[in-house]
């Protein structure tokens, strides 16, 4: 910037000097004005795909769709279809052949073929474990290419756009699509409202000399990232140990007086609970009132005696994802148990006796450890 200012000043000085000079510029050799140079043209073409055989396959209705090598696909897409079409899969960090995706898991990887590459997110949307390349589904896909790519229609998607288009042409082709947005980074998002969230089902990154196009299923964020089973078990063991430590520590002030939990119920709301004892019996619906977090009217309760001689109840219920309630565990009279959980309720008997009710997270039953809190499980 300083050199430009210096050049301007020097130019003004020379103009002032030549004003009084009798020489005519046109008589001097080489005094003609220099030709003006124009700014370089923007990279990319001003039109997308024009092949009717390709364009006729696109629905352009917001579906995450694309035409790859002339074949029409939509997301989610069976990974096996791309494998059969000659693509090879490599997954990040792990050998794809050794990965076993559990239901609800997602893994990222790369599909490649003849020098072309696509980044993908593969999910297991079924109910049984699967291999990414065999039972997995591509839920997100990104393809990028230079704007001077020879095969312009190798990958074509919404409104016939492809990677060889100029940034201006891409914006013009998509600006009328529902959900269109030019984001703060200067790239294009096509958003869809899913519940209370907005999901970008299309993203177009506008590079100077390349374009990257990302498509995604609107449920892509419902999945959790893949972890090998040994890592899950390690994490689970750490969570179990922490849960035991926390509940045992919170129970210490009440270990000799369970009634103190009930007396401070409104203030404490939920207290970590730990007990070693013996199961007495199972009871259903004999209690007149349940305070605290409501239990299902169908819930059964195990009455147990702590080694200190104090009684407490174990809530035998699990709230399922569909809102129904099922039994958590089967206990029998005389079972020796250790219970880690939270006391957030109490039962009041007709004669006014109050008994703490524990929602168990972990129970050791006759030496067998049973994990009831799904957040502590490896799977």
Protein backbone atom coordinates (compact mmCIF):
# COMPACT_ATOMS: atom_id res chain seq x y z
CA UNK A 1 0.00 0.00 0.00
CA UNK A 2 2.91 2.37 0.84
CA UNK A 3 4.58 1.65 -2.53
CA UNK A 4 1.31 2.49 -4.32
CA UNK A 5 1.11 5.86 -2.51
CA UNK A 6 4.73 6.57 -3.49
CA UNK A 7 4.04 5.75 -7.12
CA UNK A 8 1.02 8.12 -7.19
CA UNK A 9 3.02 10.97 -5.70
CA UNK A 10 5.88 10.48 -8.17
CA UNK A 11 3.41 10.43 -11.06
CA UNK A 12 1.89 13.77 -9.97
CA UNK A 13 5.39 15.32 -9.78
CA UNK A 14 6.22 14.23 -13.32
CA UNK A 15 2.92 15.66 -14.63
CA UNK A 16 3.72 19.03 -13.04
CA UNK A 17 7.21 19.02 -14.55
CA UNK A 18 5.99 18.25 -18.07
CA UNK A 19 3.26 20.90 -18.06
CA UNK A 20 5.67 23.62 -19.10
CA UNK A 21 7.67 21.48 -21.46
CA UNK A 22 7.48 22.25 -25.21
CA UNK A 23 7.93 18.63 -26.19
CA UNK A 24 4.78 16.92 -27.44
CA UNK A 25 4.24 13.49 -26.03
CA UNK A 26 3.13 12.07 -29.35
CA UNK A 27 6.56 12.89 -30.84
CA UNK A 28 8.36 10.74 -28.30
CA UNK A 29 8.98 7.08 -29.06
CA UNK A 30 7.18 4.77 -26.69
CA UNK A 31 5.02 7.46 -25.17
CA UNK A 32 1.73 5.77 -26.14
CA UNK A 33 -0.53 4.70 -23.30
CA UNK A 34 -0.29 1.13 -22.02
CA UNK A 35 -3.15 -1.32 -22.76
CA UNK A 36 -5.54 -1.92 -19.84
CA UNK A 37 -5.51 -5.42 -18.29
CA UNK A 38 -8.86 -6.92 -17.25
CA UNK A 39 -9.47 -8.95 -14.10
CA UNK A 40 -9.28 -12.73 -14.60
CA UNK A 41 -12.60 -14.39 -15.38
CA UNK A 42 -14.30 -16.34 -12.61
CA UNK A 43 -13.62 -20.07 -12.80
CA UNK A 44 -16.39 -22.41 -13.85
CA UNK A 45 -19.16 -22.56 -16.42
CA UNK A 46 -22.32 -20.50 -16.46
CA UNK A 47 -24.57 -23.52 -16.88
CA UNK A 48 -25.01 -26.86 -15.16
CA UNK A 49 -25.95 -30.20 -16.67
CA UNK A 50 -27.80 -30.04 -20.01
CA UNK A 51 -28.10 -33.78 -20.60
CA UNK A 52 -31.83 -34.55 -20.66
CA UNK A 53 -31.20 -38.22 -19.86
CA UNK A 54 -29.75 -37.08 -16.52
CA UNK A 55 -32.03 -34.13 -15.82
CA UNK A 56 -35.18 -36.20 -16.39
CA UNK A 57 -34.24 -38.45 -13.44
CA UNK A 58 -34.11 -35.63 -10.89
CA UNK A 59 -37.27 -34.88 -8.89
CA UNK A 60 -36.04 -31.50 -7.55
CA UNK A 61 -38.51 -31.76 -4.66
CA UNK A 62 -36.04 -31.47 -1.77
CA UNK A 63 -35.19 -35.17 -1.72
CA UNK A 64 -31.44 -35.72 -1.12
CA UNK A 65 -30.90 -37.06 -4.65
CA UNK A 66 -28.07 -37.26 -7.16
CA UNK A 67 -27.10 -38.85 -10.45
CA UNK A 68 -23.70 -40.56 -10.28
CA UNK A 69 -22.17 -41.88 -13.50
CA UNK A 70 -25.62 -41.71 -15.05
CA UNK A 71 -27.37 -43.70 -12.28
CA UNK A 72 -29.98 -42.10 -10.04
CA UNK A 73 -29.71 -42.47 -6.23
CA UNK A 74 -31.37 -41.01 -3.14
CA UNK A 75 -30.30 -40.91 0.52
CA UNK A 76 -30.38 -42.94 2.63
CA UNK A 77 -28.72 -45.36 0.20
CA UNK A 78 -27.57 -48.94 0.65
CA UNK A 79 -23.77 -48.87 0.67
CA UNK A 80 -23.81 -52.20 -1.13
CA UNK A 81 -25.27 -50.55 -4.26
CA UNK A 82 -22.18 -48.36 -4.60
CA UNK A 83 -19.90 -51.30 -3.84
CA UNK A 84 -21.60 -53.25 -6.62
CA UNK A 85 -21.04 -50.27 -8.92
CA UNK A 86 -17.28 -50.59 -8.41
CA UNK A 87 -16.65 -48.26 -5.47
CA UNK A 88 -14.31 -49.30 -2.64
CA UNK A 89 -14.87 -48.32 1.00
CA UNK A 90 -12.35 -47.30 3.61
CA UNK A 91 -13.49 -46.16 7.04
CA UNK A 92 -11.74 -43.66 9.26
CA UNK A 93 -9.48 -45.13 11.97
CA UNK A 94 -10.80 -48.69 11.64
CA UNK A 95 -10.62 -51.46 9.05
CA UNK A 96 -14.03 -51.43 7.34
CA UNK A 97 -14.09 -55.23 7.15
CA UNK A 98 -13.68 -55.52 10.91
CA UNK A 99 -16.25 -52.88 11.87
CA UNK A 100 -19.56 -54.15 13.25
CA UNK A 101 -22.04 -51.28 13.36
CA UNK A 102 -24.61 -51.62 16.12
CA UNK A 103 -28.16 -50.35 15.55
CA UNK A 104 -28.18 -46.56 15.76
CA UNK A 105 -24.44 -46.16 15.12
CA UNK A 106 -22.68 -44.07 12.46
CA UNK A 107 -19.19 -44.28 10.97
CA UNK A 108 -17.39 -41.97 8.54
CA UNK A 109 -15.39 -43.15 5.57
CA UNK A 110 -14.39 -42.67 1.95
CA UNK A 111 -15.62 -44.31 -1.23
CA UNK A 112 -13.18 -44.35 -4.14
CA UNK A 113 -13.24 -45.44 -7.78
CA UNK A 114 -10.87 -44.73 -10.68
CA UNK A 115 -9.36 -41.69 -8.97
CA UNK A 116 -12.73 -40.28 -7.87
CA UNK A 117 -13.53 -39.99 -4.16
CA UNK A 118 -16.59 -39.32 -2.01
CA UNK A 119 -16.70 -38.78 1.75
CA UNK A 120 -19.61 -40.62 3.38
CA UNK A 121 -21.34 -41.19 6.70
CA UNK A 122 -22.70 -44.73 6.94
CA UNK A 123 -25.33 -45.69 9.53
CA UNK A 124 -27.06 -48.79 10.80
CA UNK A 125 -30.77 -48.04 10.69
CA UNK A 126 -31.76 -51.64 11.34
CA UNK A 127 -32.21 -53.76 14.45
CA UNK A 128 -29.21 -56.07 14.06
CA UNK A 129 -25.45 -55.41 13.83
CA UNK A 130 -24.10 -55.00 10.30
CA UNK A 131 -20.97 -54.33 8.27
CA UNK A 132 -20.78 -50.82 6.79
CA UNK A 133 -20.36 -52.15 3.25
CA UNK A 134 -23.00 -54.87 3.54
CA UNK A 135 -25.91 -53.77 5.69
CA UNK A 136 -25.01 -50.11 6.20
CA UNK A 137 -26.81 -47.12 4.71
CA UNK A 138 -25.15 -43.97 3.35
CA UNK A 139 -26.89 -41.11 5.16
CA UNK A 140 -24.50 -38.32 4.19
CA UNK A 141 -22.30 -37.91 1.12
CA UNK A 142 -19.85 -35.26 -0.08
CA UNK A 143 -18.43 -35.05 -3.59
CA UNK A 144 -15.94 -32.39 -4.65
CA UNK A 145 -14.13 -31.66 -7.91
CA UNK A 146 -12.20 -28.93 -9.68
CA UNK A 147 -14.22 -26.55 -11.80
CA UNK A 148 -12.25 -27.67 -14.88
CA UNK A 149 -13.12 -31.33 -14.36
CA UNK A 150 -13.35 -33.00 -17.82
CA UNK A 151 -16.39 -35.16 -16.98
CA UNK A 152 -18.71 -32.37 -15.91
CA UNK A 153 -21.74 -34.63 -15.43
CA UNK A 154 -20.01 -37.31 -13.36
CA UNK A 155 -22.02 -36.06 -10.34
CA UNK A 156 -25.23 -34.08 -10.84
CA UNK A 157 -27.80 -33.12 -8.25
CA UNK A 158 -30.58 -30.64 -7.37
CA UNK A 159 -31.67 -28.45 -10.31
CA UNK A 160 -28.95 -30.00 -12.46
CA UNK A 161 -26.03 -28.42 -10.64
CA UNK A 162 -22.57 -29.95 -10.90
CA UNK A 163 -19.07 -29.10 -9.70
CA UNK A 164 -17.88 -27.34 -12.88
CA UNK A 165 -20.33 -24.43 -12.51
CA UNK A 166 -19.13 -20.98 -11.50
CA UNK A 167 -20.05 -19.80 -8.02
CA UNK A 168 -22.39 -17.21 -9.49
CA UNK A 169 -24.13 -19.86 -11.61
CA UNK A 170 -24.52 -22.16 -8.61
CA UNK A 171 -26.16 -19.42 -6.56
CA UNK A 172 -28.47 -18.53 -9.41
CA UNK A 173 -29.49 -22.17 -9.92
CA UNK A 174 -30.37 -22.69 -6.25
CA UNK A 175 -31.57 -19.33 -4.92
CA UNK A 176 -35.21 -20.16 -5.67
CA UNK A 177 -35.17 -23.46 -3.78
CA UNK A 178 -37.10 -23.60 -0.48
CA UNK A 179 -34.69 -23.31 2.42
CA UNK A 180 -31.96 -21.58 0.38
CA UNK A 181 -29.48 -19.61 2.45
CA UNK A 182 -26.10 -18.06 1.75
CA UNK A 183 -24.41 -18.68 5.09
CA UNK A 184 -21.90 -16.50 6.96
CA UNK A 185 -18.98 -18.32 5.29
CA UNK A 186 -20.33 -17.43 1.84
CA UNK A 187 -21.44 -20.97 1.03
CA UNK A 188 -24.89 -22.30 0.17
CA UNK A 189 -27.19 -24.22 2.55
CA UNK A 190 -30.53 -25.74 1.65
CA UNK A 191 -32.29 -26.19 5.00
CA UNK A 192 -35.20 -28.37 5.96
CA UNK A 193 -37.14 -28.08 9.23
CA UNK A 194 -37.23 -31.36 11.16
CA UNK A 195 -39.15 -31.06 14.42
CA UNK A 196 -37.66 -28.05 16.18
CA UNK A 197 -34.39 -28.19 14.25
CA UNK A 198 -33.17 -26.97 10.88
CA UNK A 199 -31.09 -29.52 8.98
CA UNK A 200 -28.97 -28.54 5.96
CA UNK A 201 -29.86 -31.40 3.58
CA UNK A 202 -27.76 -29.75 0.87
CA UNK A 203 -24.51 -27.81 1.30
CA UNK A 204 -22.49 -26.30 -1.54
CA UNK A 205 -19.00 -25.02 -0.77
CA UNK A 206 -18.03 -22.33 -3.27
CA UNK A 207 -14.27 -22.56 -3.78
CA UNK A 208 -12.26 -20.38 -6.15
CA UNK A 209 -11.39 -23.29 -8.41
CA UNK A 210 -13.43 -26.19 -7.01
CA UNK A 211 -16.92 -27.04 -5.73
CA UNK A 212 -17.89 -29.40 -2.89
CA UNK A 213 -21.49 -30.64 -2.67
CA UNK A 214 -22.82 -32.37 0.44
CA UNK A 215 -26.15 -34.20 0.71
CA UNK A 216 -27.60 -35.56 3.94
CA UNK A 217 -30.64 -37.46 5.16
CA UNK A 218 -32.70 -35.39 7.56
CA UNK A 219 -32.11 -37.95 10.34
CA UNK A 220 -28.30 -37.96 10.12
CA UNK A 221 -27.92 -36.51 13.63
CA UNK A 222 -30.05 -39.22 15.25
CA UNK A 223 -27.09 -41.61 15.16
CA UNK A 224 -24.11 -41.86 17.51
CA UNK A 225 -20.53 -42.40 16.42
CA UNK A 226 -19.17 -45.93 16.18
CA UNK A 227 -16.83 -47.28 18.84
CA UNK A 228 -15.25 -50.77 18.97
CA UNK A 229 -16.76 -53.06 21.59
CA UNK A 230 -13.62 -53.02 23.74
CA UNK A 231 -13.74 -49.21 23.91
CA UNK A 232 -17.44 -49.30 24.81
CA UNK A 233 -16.76 -51.78 27.60
CA UNK A 234 -13.94 -49.62 28.94
CA UNK A 235 -16.18 -46.54 28.94
CA UNK A 236 -19.00 -48.55 30.53
CA UNK A 237 -16.72 -49.82 33.31
CA UNK A 238 -15.59 -46.27 34.04
CA UNK A 239 -19.21 -45.06 34.20
CA UNK A 240 -20.21 -47.95 36.48
CA UNK A 241 -17.34 -47.24 38.86
CA UNK A 242 -18.19 -43.53 38.97
CA UNK A 243 -21.91 -44.28 39.52
CA UNK A 244 -21.09 -46.58 42.43
CA UNK A 245 -18.72 -44.05 43.98
CA UNK A 246 -21.20 -41.18 43.65
CA UNK A 247 -24.25 -42.97 45.04
CA UNK A 248 -22.28 -44.53 47.89
CA UNK A 249 -20.79 -41.17 48.88
CA UNK A 250 -24.19 -39.42 48.80
CA UNK A 251 -25.67 -42.18 50.96
CA UNK A 252 -23.16 -41.88 53.79
CA UNK A 253 -25.07 -39.21 55.81
CA UNK A 254 -28.25 -41.35 55.68
CA UNK A 255 -26.79 -44.83 56.06
CA UNK A 256 -27.98 -45.21 59.66
CA UNK A 257 -31.28 -43.33 59.23
CA UNK A 258 -33.20 -43.82 55.97
CA UNK A 259 -36.01 -41.65 57.35
CA UNK A 260 -33.70 -38.65 57.11
CA UNK A 261 -33.96 -38.96 53.32
CA UNK A 262 -37.75 -38.66 53.54
CA UNK A 263 -37.63 -35.79 56.00
CA UNK A 264 -35.37 -33.82 53.66
CA UNK A 265 -37.15 -34.98 50.52
CA UNK A 266 -38.41 -31.60 49.26
CA UNK A 267 -34.97 -30.10 49.65
CA UNK A 268 -32.93 -33.00 48.30
CA UNK A 269 -35.32 -34.30 45.64
CA UNK A 270 -33.00 -37.20 44.79
CA UNK A 271 -30.34 -38.79 46.96
CA UNK A 272 -27.74 -41.31 45.91
CA UNK A 273 -28.57 -44.60 47.60
CA UNK A 274 -26.50 -47.68 48.44
CA UNK A 275 -27.52 -50.70 50.49
CA UNK A 276 -26.51 -54.26 51.21
CA UNK A 277 -29.30 -56.49 52.35
CA UNK A 278 -31.88 -59.21 51.78
CA UNK A 279 -35.05 -59.30 49.68
CA UNK A 280 -38.23 -59.88 51.68
CA UNK A 281 -41.02 -60.00 49.12
CA UNK A 282 -42.66 -58.40 46.10
CA UNK A 283 -45.74 -56.21 46.52
CA UNK A 284 -48.10 -54.61 44.01
CA UNK A 285 -50.62 -51.82 44.55
CA UNK A 286 -51.00 -52.07 48.34
CA UNK A 287 -49.94 -48.51 49.00
CA UNK A 288 -52.34 -45.62 49.40
CA UNK A 289 -50.05 -42.77 48.33
CA UNK A 290 -46.87 -42.30 46.37
CA UNK A 291 -45.01 -39.06 46.84
CA UNK A 292 -42.27 -37.68 44.61
CA UNK A 293 -41.83 -38.77 41.01
CA UNK A 294 -44.96 -40.76 40.05
CA UNK A 295 -44.56 -44.47 39.52
CA UNK A 296 -46.64 -46.47 37.09
CA UNK A 297 -49.80 -47.86 38.76
CA UNK A 298 -48.68 -51.27 37.51
CA UNK A 299 -45.23 -51.09 39.06
CA UNK A 300 -44.19 -53.79 41.47
CA UNK A 301 -42.02 -53.05 44.46
CA UNK A 302 -39.56 -55.31 46.20
CA UNK A 303 -39.31 -54.84 49.94
CA UNK A 304 -35.77 -55.35 51.20
CA UNK A 305 -34.02 -55.15 54.56
CA UNK A 306 -30.69 -53.42 54.86
CA UNK A 307 -27.95 -54.97 57.02
CA UNK A 308 -28.74 -52.22 59.56
CA UNK A 309 -32.28 -53.59 59.91
CA UNK A 310 -33.93 -50.71 58.02
CA UNK A 311 -36.54 -51.39 55.33
CA UNK A 312 -36.68 -49.87 51.87
CA UNK A 313 -38.40 -50.58 48.58
CA UNK A 314 -36.89 -51.20 45.15
CA UNK A 315 -38.93 -49.87 42.22
CA UNK A 316 -39.15 -52.66 39.68
CA UNK A 317 -39.83 -50.63 36.53
CA UNK A 318 -38.12 -49.53 33.33
CA UNK A 319 -39.58 -46.79 31.15
CA UNK A 320 -39.33 -47.96 27.55
CA UNK A 321 -38.76 -45.66 24.55
CA UNK A 322 -42.39 -46.12 23.46
CA UNK A 323 -43.61 -44.82 26.84
CA UNK A 324 -44.64 -48.22 28.23
CA UNK A 325 -43.38 -49.59 31.52
CA UNK A 326 -41.86 -53.02 31.99
CA UNK A 327 -40.27 -54.93 34.86
CA UNK A 328 -36.63 -54.10 35.53
CA UNK A 329 -35.42 -57.24 37.32
CA UNK A 330 -36.65 -60.42 38.93
CA UNK A 331 -35.80 -60.83 42.60
CA UNK A 332 -36.84 -63.60 44.98
CA UNK A 333 -37.31 -63.82 48.69
CA UNK A 334 -33.99 -64.42 50.37
CA UNK A 335 -31.85 -63.00 47.53
CA UNK A 336 -28.72 -61.31 48.82
CA UNK A 337 -28.43 -57.94 47.12
CA UNK A 338 -26.39 -54.79 46.81
CA UNK A 339 -28.25 -51.82 45.37
CA UNK A 340 -26.87 -48.61 43.87
CA UNK A 341 -29.42 -46.05 42.75
CA UNK A 342 -31.35 -42.92 43.67
CA UNK A 343 -34.00 -42.43 46.35
CA UNK A 344 -36.38 -39.89 44.91
CA UNK A 345 -39.69 -41.30 46.19
CA UNK A 346 -41.29 -42.74 49.27
CA UNK A 347 -44.37 -44.79 50.00
CA UNK A 348 -46.84 -43.98 52.74
CA UNK A 349 -48.70 -46.88 54.32
CA UNK A 350 -52.23 -46.49 55.77
CA UNK A 351 -50.86 -46.44 59.30
CA UNK A 352 -48.58 -43.51 58.40
CA UNK A 353 -45.36 -45.48 58.01
CA UNK A 354 -43.14 -44.09 55.26
CA UNK A 355 -40.63 -46.19 53.36
CA UNK A 356 -37.95 -44.95 50.97
CA UNK A 357 -38.33 -46.12 47.36
CA UNK A 358 -35.16 -46.55 45.34
CA UNK A 359 -34.90 -46.43 41.55
CA UNK A 360 -31.96 -48.81 41.04
CA UNK A 361 -29.23 -48.24 38.47
CA UNK A 362 -27.15 -51.28 39.44
CA UNK A 363 -28.06 -54.38 41.45
CA UNK A 364 -25.73 -57.15 42.49
CA UNK A 365 -27.97 -60.21 42.95
CA UNK A 366 -26.35 -63.17 44.70
CA UNK A 367 -22.98 -62.10 43.28
CA UNK A 368 -24.27 -61.36 39.75
CA UNK A 369 -23.95 -57.73 38.62
CA UNK A 370 -27.02 -56.46 36.72
CA UNK A 371 -26.86 -53.06 35.00
CA UNK A 372 -30.32 -51.47 34.85
CA UNK A 373 -29.45 -47.88 33.88
CA UNK A 374 -29.06 -48.01 30.08
CA UNK A 375 -26.67 -45.06 30.19
CA UNK A 376 -24.16 -47.29 31.97
CA UNK A 377 -24.30 -50.16 29.49
CA UNK A 378 -21.68 -50.87 26.87
CA UNK A 379 -24.22 -51.32 24.06
